[in-house]
Amino acid sequence: MPAGPTAEQPKDFHVRSPHPGPERTPGRLTVNRVERAAGSREFPAGRNARSAASWHAVDVTLGVLIVDDNSLFLAAARGLLEREGMRVVGVASTSAEGLRRAEELGPDVVLVDLMLGAESGFELARRLVEGDGGGLSAVILISTHSQLDFAELIAESPAAGFLPKSELSADGIRRIVNGRGSGGAVPR
């Protein structure tokens, strides 16, 4: 059987592939084939689909919730992380609001300031981890203070790690989420 269309087949029909299912064409979106008696017809994937040949796990956008009592920091952190490809799903300025937003939004990552006014970020981190029975959200502690100032409390915390606010970045968050530490994360 010839590889391309024959005189009896229109140009947009192709000979049936020996490998059923989605096919990958370099430089094009994933193509799904609908089998017909005379061959198969290509239908491009939706416009939001990525080329299967170029997909990498690092391209996955993480949804982030930021909990901090400083409104200027919330705005700056949101802008920075969004510019670096993160999806900031929400912000909160109190523990109660952080718990509620985490429940509503189901973020992949929750950034929690150690000092939430009179409230403890450590306590919020503990409650977030305990309330997340499936372990879907990674809690990362953040602060303007040095990691050394709170080393014991950070080590005892159920949080995935710690990032100084001065080192906050999408890469720092990904390193902690992927378990590679760095970026200020506390080794476990």
Protein backbone atom coordinates (compact mmCIF):
# COMPACT_ATOMS: atom_id res chain seq x y z
CA MET A 1 0.00 0.00 0.00
CA PRO A 2 1.51 3.41 -0.92
CA ALA A 3 2.49 5.83 1.84
CA GLY A 4 0.64 8.87 0.45
CA PRO A 5 -2.75 9.52 -1.12
CA THR A 6 -3.54 7.61 -4.30
CA ALA A 7 -5.44 8.84 -7.33
CA GLU A 8 -8.65 7.48 -5.78
CA GLN A 9 -8.09 9.28 -2.44
CA PRO A 10 -8.38 13.02 -1.90
CA LYS A 11 -5.16 14.78 -0.80
CA ASP A 12 -6.44 15.36 2.74
CA PHE A 13 -6.85 11.61 3.33
CA HIS A 14 -3.91 9.49 4.42
CA VAL A 15 -3.24 5.79 4.52
CA ARG A 16 -4.09 4.28 7.91
CA SER A 17 -1.24 4.46 10.38
CA PRO A 18 0.01 1.20 11.90
CA HIS A 19 0.05 3.03 15.24
CA PRO A 20 -3.47 4.00 16.37
CA GLY A 21 -4.07 7.06 18.51
CA PRO A 22 -2.66 10.58 18.50
CA GLU A 23 0.28 11.10 16.17
CA ARG A 24 3.11 13.57 16.56
CA THR A 25 4.26 15.76 13.73
CA PRO A 26 7.33 17.91 14.47
CA GLY A 27 6.46 21.59 14.54
CA ARG A 28 2.71 20.96 14.53
CA LEU A 29 0.06 20.45 17.16
CA THR A 30 -0.87 16.91 18.08
CA VAL A 31 -3.07 15.41 15.36
CA ASN A 32 -5.86 12.97 16.04
CA ARG A 33 -6.91 10.68 13.22
CA VAL A 34 -10.42 9.47 12.54
CA GLU A 35 -10.27 6.14 10.76
CA ARG A 36 -12.42 5.62 7.69
CA ALA A 37 -12.65 2.78 5.23
CA ALA A 38 -10.72 4.73 2.59
CA GLY A 39 -8.05 5.97 5.01
CA SER A 40 -7.90 8.50 7.80
CA ARG A 41 -8.55 12.20 8.07
CA GLU A 42 -6.43 14.50 10.22
CA PHE A 43 -8.04 16.85 12.71
CA PRO A 44 -5.72 19.27 14.52
CA ALA A 45 -5.97 19.39 18.30
CA GLY A 46 -7.54 22.45 19.92
CA ARG A 47 -5.62 25.73 19.80
CA ASN A 48 -4.69 25.40 23.49
CA ALA A 49 -3.01 22.02 22.95
CA ARG A 50 0.76 21.94 23.02
CA SER A 51 2.90 20.08 20.56
CA ALA A 52 3.44 16.68 22.14
CA ALA A 53 7.02 16.66 20.87
CA SER A 54 7.93 19.78 22.86
CA TRP A 55 6.13 19.09 26.17
CA HIS A 56 8.30 18.97 29.27
CA ALA A 57 7.30 18.68 32.93
CA VAL A 58 9.02 21.98 33.70
CA ASP A 59 6.53 23.73 31.41
CA VAL A 60 3.64 22.89 33.74
CA THR A 61 2.37 26.08 35.33
CA LEU A 62 1.96 25.86 39.08
CA GLY A 63 -0.99 27.57 40.77
CA VAL A 64 0.26 29.64 43.72
CA LEU A 65 -1.55 31.15 46.71
CA ILE A 66 0.42 33.82 48.61
CA VAL A 67 -0.37 34.50 52.28
CA ASP A 68 1.29 37.64 53.67
CA ASP A 69 0.07 40.57 55.76
CA ASN A 70 2.02 43.13 53.69
CA SER A 71 -0.11 44.32 50.77
CA LEU A 72 2.88 45.85 48.96
CA PHE A 73 4.73 42.54 49.11
CA LEU A 74 1.63 40.66 47.90
CA ALA A 75 1.43 42.90 44.82
CA ALA A 76 5.18 42.71 44.12
CA ALA A 77 5.36 38.92 44.60
CA ARG A 78 2.31 38.36 42.40
CA GLY A 79 3.80 40.47 39.60
CA LEU A 80 7.21 38.79 39.84
CA LEU A 81 5.86 35.23 39.85
CA GLU A 82 3.41 35.89 37.01
CA ARG A 83 6.21 37.41 34.89
CA GLU A 84 8.23 34.25 35.54
CA GLY A 85 5.40 32.00 34.34
CA MET A 86 3.64 31.08 37.58
CA ARG A 87 -0.13 31.34 37.89
CA VAL A 88 -0.99 33.22 41.08
CA VAL A 89 -4.48 31.94 41.86
CA GLY A 90 -5.00 34.19 44.88
CA VAL A 91 -3.64 36.14 47.80
CA ALA A 92 -4.60 36.35 51.47
CA SER A 93 -3.47 38.53 54.37
CA THR A 94 -4.63 36.51 57.42
CA SER A 95 -4.51 32.87 58.50
CA ALA A 96 -8.29 32.54 58.31
CA GLU A 97 -8.39 34.01 54.81
CA GLY A 98 -5.44 31.80 53.77
CA LEU A 99 -7.19 28.64 54.96
CA ARG A 100 -10.42 29.64 53.20
CA ARG A 101 -8.67 30.55 49.94
CA ALA A 102 -6.61 27.34 49.97
CA GLU A 103 -9.83 25.32 50.37
CA GLU A 104 -11.61 27.27 47.59
CA LEU A 105 -8.77 27.48 45.08
CA GLY A 106 -6.83 24.24 45.59
CA PRO A 107 -3.42 25.74 44.72
CA ASP A 108 -0.37 23.61 43.93
CA VAL A 109 1.78 25.79 46.20
CA VAL A 110 0.98 28.01 49.20
CA LEU A 111 3.60 30.60 50.14
CA VAL A 112 3.22 31.51 53.82
CA ASP A 113 4.95 34.42 55.56
CA LEU A 114 6.41 33.42 58.94
CA MET A 115 5.07 36.59 60.57
CA LEU A 116 1.44 37.31 59.75
CA GLY A 117 0.98 40.28 62.07
CA ALA A 118 0.03 38.78 65.42
CA GLU A 119 -0.49 35.35 63.83
CA SER A 120 2.07 32.60 63.31
CA GLY A 121 2.93 31.45 59.80
CA PHE A 122 4.22 28.21 61.34
CA GLU A 123 0.77 27.49 62.78
CA LEU A 124 -0.88 28.29 59.44
CA ALA A 125 1.56 25.98 57.63
CA ARG A 126 0.71 23.16 60.07
CA ARG A 127 -3.04 23.70 59.58
CA LEU A 128 -2.71 23.85 55.79
CA VAL A 129 -0.76 20.58 55.66
CA GLU A 130 -3.13 18.82 58.11
CA GLY A 131 -6.18 20.08 56.20
CA ASP A 132 -4.76 18.90 52.88
CA GLY A 133 -5.38 15.19 53.36
CA GLY A 134 -4.37 14.33 49.80
CA GLY A 135 -1.10 16.25 50.08
CA LEU A 136 -1.80 18.17 46.88
CA SER A 137 -0.46 21.56 48.02
CA ALA A 138 3.17 22.20 48.87
CA VAL A 139 3.54 24.77 51.65
CA ILE A 140 6.64 26.97 51.43
CA LEU A 141 7.55 29.33 54.23
CA ILE A 142 8.82 32.80 53.28
CA SER A 143 10.28 35.64 55.32
CA THR A 144 12.46 38.75 55.29
CA HIS A 145 14.27 37.15 58.24
CA SER A 146 17.23 34.84 57.76
CA GLN A 147 16.63 31.11 57.67
CA LEU A 148 19.12 30.82 60.52
CA ASP A 149 16.91 32.99 62.75
CA PHE A 150 14.21 30.29 62.69
CA ALA A 151 16.21 27.18 61.72
CA GLU A 152 14.77 24.89 64.42
CA LEU A 153 11.17 25.97 63.87
CA ILE A 154 11.54 25.65 60.10
CA ALA A 155 13.06 22.16 60.47
CA GLU A 156 10.17 21.08 62.73
CA SER A 157 7.56 22.55 60.39
CA PRO A 158 5.64 20.29 57.96
CA ALA A 159 6.38 22.84 55.20
CA ALA A 160 8.21 21.64 52.09
CA GLY A 161 10.87 24.30 52.54
CA PHE A 162 11.82 27.91 53.17
CA LEU A 163 12.59 30.74 50.76
CA PRO A 164 13.88 34.15 51.85
CA LYS A 165 11.70 36.85 50.28
CA SER A 166 14.82 38.33 48.67
CA GLU A 167 15.30 35.04 46.77
CA LEU A 168 11.66 34.51 45.80
CA SER A 169 11.44 33.25 42.23
CA ALA A 170 9.61 30.69 40.12
CA ASP A 171 12.82 28.64 39.93
CA GLY A 172 13.23 28.69 43.71
CA ILE A 173 9.66 27.47 44.16
CA ARG A 174 10.08 24.73 41.55
CA ARG A 175 13.31 23.50 43.18
CA ILE A 176 11.53 23.10 46.51
CA VAL A 177 8.41 21.52 44.98
CA ASN A 178 10.55 19.08 42.99
CA GLY A 179 12.45 18.13 46.16
CA ARG A 180 15.80 19.46 45.05
CA GLY A 181 16.07 21.90 47.92
CA SER A 182 18.23 24.91 47.07
CA GLY A 183 16.62 28.31 46.93
CA GLY A 184 16.78 28.43 50.72
CA ALA A 185 14.94 25.18 51.34
CA VAL A 186 15.62 23.44 54.60
CA PRO A 187 17.05 19.97 53.99
CA ARG A 188 14.88 17.22 55.43
